[in-house]
Amino acid sequence: MRPGYTEETTLAPAAQCPDCKRINEVLSRVGDRWSVLIVVSLSQYGKLRFNELKRNLGISQRMLSLTLRELERDGLVSRTYFPTIPPKVEYALTPLGESFKEPVKQLALWALGNLSEIDNARRHYDDAQQAASEPA
C-alpha cells in the first residue's frame, strides 16, 4: 500500500459534505431492526395499538417503547392517546413515515429474494471457520 492510502476510504471533509454526520444519525434510526419492522407492521395494518405491535413483532415492552419514542421524535410515527378506561394508545405512520414505506419494502423484497443465497454463504463461511479452527 502506498502512503496516504486511507485518503480514499475516509469521509469527505466537512466542507464537501456538511451533512454526512447527520445522515449517519438518520440511518442509525431508520436502519435498525426494530424501526424497520415497526414501519413494515404499521404500513401493513395501518393504526396499531402498543400490544398489537408487541405481539406481532415479538419485541420486549422496553425496546418497543424506546423505538416508538424515537420514531415519533423523528416524525415517522404518530401516537394518539384516547383517555378511555383502560387508556388506549394507537400508533400510525405519519406522511414522512409513509414516504419511508417504499424503501423499506424494497429492502424486505431484496432480503426475501436472497435468503437462500445468504443461507448458503453463511454455511460456507461457518464451515470454513470450523475447518480452520480444527487441529490438523
N, C-alpha and C. Protein backbone atom coordinates (compact mmCIF):
# COMPACT_ATOMS: atom_id res chain seq x y z
N MET A 1 0.84 -1.18 0.00
CA MET A 1 0.00 0.00 0.00
C MET A 1 0.88 1.24 0.00
N ARG A 2 0.42 2.22 -0.66
CA ARG A 2 1.19 3.44 -0.75
C ARG A 2 0.86 4.38 0.40
N PRO A 3 1.75 5.27 0.74
CA PRO A 3 1.46 6.24 1.80
C PRO A 3 0.22 7.06 1.43
N GLY A 4 -0.58 7.32 2.43
CA GLY A 4 -1.79 8.12 2.19
C GLY A 4 -2.95 7.33 1.62
N TYR A 5 -2.86 6.00 1.63
CA TYR A 5 -3.91 5.18 1.04
C TYR A 5 -5.26 5.37 1.71
N THR A 6 -5.28 5.80 2.97
CA THR A 6 -6.55 5.96 3.67
C THR A 6 -7.36 7.13 3.16
N GLU A 7 -6.75 8.01 2.39
CA GLU A 7 -7.48 9.16 1.88
C GLU A 7 -8.69 8.72 1.06
N GLU A 8 -8.59 7.59 0.39
CA GLU A 8 -9.67 7.12 -0.47
C GLU A 8 -10.81 6.51 0.32
N THR A 9 -10.58 6.15 1.59
CA THR A 9 -11.61 5.48 2.37
C THR A 9 -12.20 6.35 3.46
N THR A 10 -11.72 7.56 3.62
CA THR A 10 -12.25 8.44 4.65
C THR A 10 -13.41 9.25 4.08
N LEU A 11 -14.24 9.76 4.98
CA LEU A 11 -15.35 10.61 4.55
C LEU A 11 -14.81 11.90 3.96
N ALA A 12 -15.62 12.50 3.12
CA ALA A 12 -15.25 13.79 2.54
C ALA A 12 -15.14 14.82 3.66
N PRO A 13 -14.26 15.79 3.50
CA PRO A 13 -14.16 16.85 4.51
C PRO A 13 -15.52 17.51 4.73
N ALA A 14 -15.70 18.06 5.93
CA ALA A 14 -16.98 18.67 6.30
C ALA A 14 -17.42 19.74 5.30
N ALA A 15 -16.47 20.43 4.71
CA ALA A 15 -16.83 21.46 3.74
C ALA A 15 -17.50 20.86 2.50
N GLN A 16 -17.09 19.64 2.11
CA GLN A 16 -17.67 18.99 0.94
C GLN A 16 -18.97 18.26 1.27
N CYS A 17 -19.10 17.81 2.49
CA CYS A 17 -20.29 17.07 2.89
C CYS A 17 -20.71 17.53 4.29
N PRO A 18 -21.31 18.70 4.39
CA PRO A 18 -21.64 19.23 5.71
C PRO A 18 -22.66 18.39 6.48
N ASP A 19 -23.43 17.58 5.79
CA ASP A 19 -24.47 16.80 6.45
C ASP A 19 -24.14 15.32 6.60
N CYS A 20 -22.90 14.91 6.34
CA CYS A 20 -22.55 13.49 6.42
C CYS A 20 -22.81 12.91 7.81
N LYS A 21 -22.47 13.63 8.85
CA LYS A 21 -22.71 13.13 10.21
C LYS A 21 -24.20 13.04 10.50
N ARG A 22 -24.96 13.97 9.97
CA ARG A 22 -26.42 13.96 10.16
C ARG A 22 -27.04 12.77 9.43
N ILE A 23 -26.51 12.45 8.26
CA ILE A 23 -27.01 11.29 7.52
C ILE A 23 -26.81 10.04 8.35
N ASN A 24 -25.67 9.93 8.99
CA ASN A 24 -25.39 8.77 9.85
C ASN A 24 -26.42 8.67 10.97
N GLU A 25 -26.78 9.80 11.57
CA GLU A 25 -27.78 9.81 12.64
C GLU A 25 -29.12 9.26 12.13
N VAL A 26 -29.54 9.72 10.97
CA VAL A 26 -30.82 9.29 10.42
C VAL A 26 -30.78 7.81 10.06
N LEU A 27 -29.71 7.37 9.41
CA LEU A 27 -29.61 5.97 9.02
C LEU A 27 -29.54 5.05 10.24
N SER A 28 -28.92 5.52 11.31
CA SER A 28 -28.88 4.72 12.53
C SER A 28 -30.28 4.48 13.06
N ARG A 29 -31.15 5.46 12.97
CA ARG A 29 -32.51 5.32 13.46
C ARG A 29 -33.35 4.47 12.53
N VAL A 30 -33.41 4.85 11.27
CA VAL A 30 -34.34 4.18 10.35
C VAL A 30 -33.81 2.84 9.87
N GLY A 31 -32.54 2.57 10.09
CA GLY A 31 -31.97 1.32 9.61
C GLY A 31 -31.88 0.24 10.65
N ASP A 32 -32.30 0.53 11.89
CA ASP A 32 -32.18 -0.53 12.88
C ASP A 32 -33.34 -1.52 12.74
N ARG A 33 -33.10 -2.71 13.22
CA ARG A 33 -34.02 -3.83 13.05
C ARG A 33 -35.45 -3.50 13.47
N TRP A 34 -35.62 -2.99 14.68
CA TRP A 34 -36.96 -2.78 15.20
C TRP A 34 -37.68 -1.65 14.49
N SER A 35 -36.96 -0.60 14.14
CA SER A 35 -37.59 0.51 13.41
C SER A 35 -38.16 0.02 12.09
N VAL A 36 -37.38 -0.75 11.38
CA VAL A 36 -37.83 -1.27 10.08
C VAL A 36 -39.06 -2.16 10.27
N LEU A 37 -39.02 -3.05 11.27
CA LEU A 37 -40.15 -3.96 11.48
C LEU A 37 -41.40 -3.22 11.94
N ILE A 38 -41.24 -2.17 12.72
CA ILE A 38 -42.39 -1.37 13.13
C ILE A 38 -43.00 -0.67 11.92
N VAL A 39 -42.16 -0.09 11.08
CA VAL A 39 -42.67 0.58 9.88
C VAL A 39 -43.38 -0.42 8.97
N VAL A 40 -42.82 -1.61 8.82
CA VAL A 40 -43.47 -2.64 7.99
C VAL A 40 -44.84 -2.99 8.58
N SER A 41 -44.91 -3.21 9.89
CA SER A 41 -46.19 -3.57 10.52
C SER A 41 -47.22 -2.47 10.36
N LEU A 42 -46.82 -1.23 10.62
CA LEU A 42 -47.77 -0.13 10.50
C LEU A 42 -48.19 0.11 9.06
N SER A 43 -47.30 -0.16 8.12
CA SER A 43 -47.68 0.01 6.71
C SER A 43 -48.64 -1.08 6.26
N GLN A 44 -48.53 -2.28 6.86
CA GLN A 44 -49.44 -3.37 6.51
C GLN A 44 -50.81 -3.22 7.15
N TYR A 45 -50.83 -2.82 8.41
CA TYR A 45 -52.08 -2.83 9.17
C TYR A 45 -52.66 -1.46 9.46
N GLY A 46 -51.95 -0.40 9.14
CA GLY A 46 -52.43 0.93 9.47
C GLY A 46 -52.19 1.23 10.93
N LYS A 47 -53.21 1.69 11.62
CA LYS A 47 -53.06 2.01 13.04
C LYS A 47 -53.02 0.73 13.87
N LEU A 48 -52.08 0.69 14.81
CA LEU A 48 -51.97 -0.44 15.72
C LEU A 48 -51.79 0.05 17.14
N ARG A 49 -52.34 -0.71 18.06
CA ARG A 49 -52.13 -0.42 19.47
C ARG A 49 -50.79 -1.01 19.89
N PHE A 50 -50.30 -0.52 21.03
CA PHE A 50 -48.99 -0.93 21.54
C PHE A 50 -48.89 -2.45 21.65
N ASN A 51 -49.86 -3.08 22.29
CA ASN A 51 -49.80 -4.53 22.49
C ASN A 51 -49.93 -5.32 21.19
N GLU A 52 -50.64 -4.77 20.22
CA GLU A 52 -50.71 -5.42 18.91
C GLU A 52 -49.34 -5.44 18.25
N LEU A 53 -48.65 -4.31 18.31
CA LEU A 53 -47.28 -4.25 17.77
C LEU A 53 -46.38 -5.23 18.51
N LYS A 54 -46.48 -5.23 19.82
CA LYS A 54 -45.65 -6.11 20.66
C LYS A 54 -45.86 -7.57 20.28
N ARG A 55 -47.12 -7.96 20.14
CA ARG A 55 -47.45 -9.35 19.76
C ARG A 55 -46.95 -9.68 18.35
N ASN A 56 -47.20 -8.78 17.41
CA ASN A 56 -46.82 -9.02 16.01
C ASN A 56 -45.30 -9.18 15.84
N LEU A 57 -44.54 -8.41 16.60
CA LEU A 57 -43.09 -8.36 16.40
C LEU A 57 -42.30 -9.27 17.34
N GLY A 58 -42.90 -9.68 18.45
CA GLY A 58 -42.14 -10.46 19.42
C GLY A 58 -41.03 -9.64 20.05
N ILE A 59 -41.30 -8.39 20.31
CA ILE A 59 -40.34 -7.44 20.85
C ILE A 59 -40.64 -7.21 22.34
N SER A 60 -39.62 -6.90 23.10
CA SER A 60 -39.85 -6.61 24.52
C SER A 60 -40.58 -5.27 24.65
N GLN A 61 -41.29 -5.12 25.75
CA GLN A 61 -42.03 -3.90 26.01
C GLN A 61 -41.09 -2.70 26.06
N ARG A 62 -39.95 -2.86 26.71
CA ARG A 62 -38.99 -1.77 26.84
C ARG A 62 -38.45 -1.35 25.47
N MET A 63 -38.05 -2.32 24.65
CA MET A 63 -37.48 -2.00 23.34
C MET A 63 -38.53 -1.37 22.43
N LEU A 64 -39.76 -1.86 22.51
CA LEU A 64 -40.82 -1.26 21.71
C LEU A 64 -41.07 0.18 22.13
N SER A 65 -41.13 0.43 23.43
CA SER A 65 -41.34 1.79 23.92
C SER A 65 -40.23 2.73 23.45
N LEU A 66 -38.99 2.29 23.60
CA LEU A 66 -37.85 3.12 23.18
C LEU A 66 -37.89 3.41 21.68
N THR A 67 -38.14 2.37 20.90
CA THR A 67 -38.12 2.54 19.44
C THR A 67 -39.27 3.42 18.97
N LEU A 68 -40.46 3.20 19.52
CA LEU A 68 -41.61 4.04 19.15
C LEU A 68 -41.36 5.50 19.51
N ARG A 69 -40.77 5.73 20.67
CA ARG A 69 -40.47 7.10 21.11
C ARG A 69 -39.52 7.77 20.12
N GLU A 70 -38.48 7.05 19.69
CA GLU A 70 -37.52 7.62 18.74
C GLU A 70 -38.16 7.84 17.36
N LEU A 71 -38.99 6.91 16.93
CA LEU A 71 -39.67 7.08 15.64
C LEU A 71 -40.64 8.26 15.69
N GLU A 72 -41.28 8.44 16.82
CA GLU A 72 -42.16 9.59 16.99
C GLU A 72 -41.34 10.88 16.99
N ARG A 73 -40.22 10.87 17.69
CA ARG A 73 -39.34 12.05 17.74
C ARG A 73 -38.85 12.43 16.34
N ASP A 74 -38.55 11.42 15.53
CA ASP A 74 -38.05 11.67 14.18
C ASP A 74 -39.17 12.00 13.19
N GLY A 75 -40.42 11.95 13.64
CA GLY A 75 -41.54 12.33 12.78
C GLY A 75 -42.04 11.23 11.87
N LEU A 76 -41.65 9.98 12.12
CA LEU A 76 -42.08 8.87 11.27
C LEU A 76 -43.36 8.20 11.76
N VAL A 77 -43.62 8.30 13.08
CA VAL A 77 -44.77 7.64 13.69
C VAL A 77 -45.52 8.66 14.53
N SER A 78 -46.85 8.57 14.48
CA SER A 78 -47.67 9.41 15.34
C SER A 78 -48.26 8.55 16.45
N ARG A 79 -48.47 9.16 17.58
CA ARG A 79 -49.04 8.49 18.75
C ARG A 79 -50.32 9.22 19.12
N THR A 80 -51.42 8.49 19.17
CA THR A 80 -52.70 9.09 19.53
C THR A 80 -53.19 8.44 20.82
N TYR A 81 -53.40 9.28 21.83
CA TYR A 81 -53.85 8.81 23.14
C TYR A 81 -55.35 9.05 23.27
N PHE A 82 -56.07 8.02 23.71
CA PHE A 82 -57.50 8.12 23.95
C PHE A 82 -57.74 7.93 25.45
N PRO A 83 -58.30 8.94 26.12
CA PRO A 83 -58.49 8.86 27.58
C PRO A 83 -59.70 8.01 27.96
N THR A 84 -59.63 6.74 27.65
CA THR A 84 -60.70 5.81 27.99
C THR A 84 -60.25 4.96 29.16
N ILE A 85 -61.13 4.10 29.62
CA ILE A 85 -60.75 3.17 30.68
C ILE A 85 -60.89 1.77 30.11
N PRO A 86 -59.82 1.02 29.98
CA PRO A 86 -58.44 1.44 30.18
C PRO A 86 -57.99 2.38 29.06
N PRO A 87 -56.91 3.13 29.30
CA PRO A 87 -56.43 4.07 28.27
C PRO A 87 -56.06 3.32 26.99
N LYS A 88 -56.26 3.99 25.88
CA LYS A 88 -55.95 3.40 24.57
C LYS A 88 -54.97 4.30 23.85
N VAL A 89 -53.92 3.71 23.29
CA VAL A 89 -52.93 4.46 22.51
C VAL A 89 -52.77 3.75 21.17
N GLU A 90 -52.85 4.51 20.10
CA GLU A 90 -52.66 3.96 18.76
C GLU A 90 -51.44 4.62 18.10
N TYR A 91 -50.76 3.83 17.30
CA TYR A 91 -49.61 4.31 16.55
C TYR A 91 -49.90 4.16 15.06
N ALA A 92 -49.45 5.13 14.29
CA ALA A 92 -49.64 5.11 12.85
C ALA A 92 -48.46 5.82 12.20
N LEU A 93 -48.28 5.55 10.92
CA LEU A 93 -47.24 6.25 10.18
C LEU A 93 -47.70 7.67 9.86
N THR A 94 -46.79 8.60 9.97
CA THR A 94 -47.05 9.98 9.55
C THR A 94 -46.82 10.05 8.04
N PRO A 95 -47.09 11.18 7.41
CA PRO A 95 -46.75 11.31 5.99
C PRO A 95 -45.26 11.03 5.72
N LEU A 96 -44.38 11.47 6.62
CA LEU A 96 -42.96 11.17 6.46
C LEU A 96 -42.72 9.66 6.57
N GLY A 97 -43.38 9.02 7.52
CA GLY A 97 -43.28 7.57 7.67
C GLY A 97 -43.82 6.84 6.45
N GLU A 98 -44.90 7.36 5.88
CA GLU A 98 -45.47 6.77 4.65
C GLU A 98 -44.46 6.84 3.51
N SER A 99 -43.69 7.93 3.45
CA SER A 99 -42.70 8.07 2.38
C SER A 99 -41.54 7.09 2.56
N PHE A 100 -41.40 6.55 3.76
CA PHE A 100 -40.34 5.58 4.05
C PHE A 100 -40.77 4.15 3.72
N LYS A 101 -42.06 3.93 3.46
CA LYS A 101 -42.57 2.59 3.17
C LYS A 101 -41.91 1.95 1.96
N GLU A 102 -41.77 2.68 0.90
CA GLU A 102 -41.23 2.10 -0.35
C GLU A 102 -39.78 1.64 -0.21
N PRO A 103 -38.89 2.46 0.36
CA PRO A 103 -37.52 1.95 0.56
C PRO A 103 -37.49 0.71 1.46
N VAL A 104 -38.32 0.69 2.51
CA VAL A 104 -38.35 -0.47 3.41
C VAL A 104 -38.89 -1.69 2.65
N LYS A 105 -39.90 -1.48 1.83
CA LYS A 105 -40.47 -2.58 1.04
C LYS A 105 -39.41 -3.16 0.11
N GLN A 106 -38.63 -2.30 -0.54
CA GLN A 106 -37.58 -2.77 -1.44
C GLN A 106 -36.52 -3.57 -0.69
N LEU A 107 -36.16 -3.09 0.50
CA LEU A 107 -35.19 -3.80 1.33
C LEU A 107 -35.72 -5.18 1.72
N ALA A 108 -37.00 -5.23 2.13
CA ALA A 108 -37.61 -6.50 2.51
C ALA A 108 -37.68 -7.45 1.32
N LEU A 109 -38.04 -6.95 0.15
CA LEU A 109 -38.10 -7.80 -1.04
C LEU A 109 -36.72 -8.33 -1.41
N TRP A 110 -35.70 -7.49 -1.27
CA TRP A 110 -34.34 -7.93 -1.54
C TRP A 110 -33.96 -9.06 -0.57
N ALA A 111 -34.27 -8.86 0.72
CA ALA A 111 -33.95 -9.88 1.73
C ALA A 111 -34.65 -11.19 1.41
N LEU A 112 -35.94 -11.13 1.09
CA LEU A 112 -36.69 -12.35 0.77
C LEU A 112 -36.14 -13.03 -0.47
N GLY A 113 -35.78 -12.24 -1.46
CA GLY A 113 -35.27 -12.81 -2.71
C GLY A 113 -33.88 -13.42 -2.59
N ASN A 114 -33.16 -13.07 -1.54
CA ASN A 114 -31.79 -13.54 -1.39
C ASN A 114 -31.56 -14.42 -0.16
N LEU A 115 -32.63 -14.85 0.49
CA LEU A 115 -32.50 -15.66 1.70
C LEU A 115 -31.67 -16.92 1.48
N SER A 116 -31.96 -17.66 0.43
CA SER A 116 -31.23 -18.92 0.22
C SER A 116 -29.76 -18.66 -0.09
N GLU A 117 -29.48 -17.60 -0.84
CA GLU A 117 -28.09 -17.27 -1.15
C GLU A 117 -27.33 -16.84 0.12
N ILE A 118 -28.00 -16.08 0.97
CA ILE A 118 -27.40 -15.67 2.25
C ILE A 118 -27.17 -16.88 3.14
N ASP A 119 -28.17 -17.78 3.20
CA ASP A 119 -28.02 -19.01 4.00
C ASP A 119 -26.83 -19.83 3.51
N ASN A 120 -26.68 -19.97 2.19
CA ASN A 120 -25.55 -20.72 1.63
C ASN A 120 -24.22 -20.06 1.97
N ALA A 121 -24.17 -18.74 1.87
CA ALA A 121 -22.93 -18.02 2.19
C ALA A 121 -22.58 -18.19 3.66
N ARG A 122 -23.57 -18.14 4.53
CA ARG A 122 -23.33 -18.33 5.97
C ARG A 122 -22.80 -19.73 6.25
N ARG A 123 -23.42 -20.74 5.62
CA ARG A 123 -22.96 -22.12 5.81
C ARG A 123 -21.52 -22.29 5.34
N HIS A 124 -21.22 -21.74 4.18
CA HIS A 124 -19.88 -21.81 3.64
C HIS A 124 -18.88 -21.14 4.58
N TYR A 125 -19.20 -19.97 5.06
CA TYR A 125 -18.33 -19.24 5.98
C TYR A 125 -18.14 -20.01 7.27
N ASP A 126 -19.25 -20.49 7.87
CA ASP A 126 -19.16 -21.24 9.13
C ASP A 126 -18.34 -22.51 8.97
N ASP A 127 -18.53 -23.22 7.85
CA ASP A 127 -17.75 -24.43 7.59
C ASP A 127 -16.26 -24.11 7.48
N ALA A 128 -15.94 -23.03 6.79
CA ALA A 128 -14.53 -22.63 6.63
C ALA A 128 -13.94 -22.24 7.98
N GLN A 129 -14.71 -21.53 8.81
CA GLN A 129 -14.21 -21.15 10.14
C GLN A 129 -13.99 -22.37 11.02
N GLN A 130 -14.90 -23.33 10.94
CA GLN A 130 -14.78 -24.54 11.73
C GLN A 130 -13.57 -25.35 11.28
N ALA A 131 -13.37 -25.47 9.97
CA ALA A 131 -12.23 -26.22 9.43
C ALA A 131 -10.91 -25.55 9.83
N ALA A 132 -10.88 -24.23 9.86
CA ALA A 132 -9.66 -23.51 10.21
C ALA A 132 -9.34 -23.65 11.70
N SER A 133 -10.35 -23.86 12.54
CA SER A 133 -10.11 -23.95 13.97
C SER A 133 -9.85 -25.37 14.45
N GLU A 134 -10.09 -26.34 13.60
CA GLU A 134 -9.84 -27.75 13.98
C GLU A 134 -8.34 -28.04 13.90
N PRO A 135 -7.83 -28.84 14.88
CA PRO A 135 -6.41 -29.20 14.82
C PRO A 135 -6.13 -30.09 13.61
N ALA A 136 -4.95 -29.89 13.06
CA ALA A 136 -4.59 -30.64 11.85
C ALA A 136 -4.17 -32.06 12.16
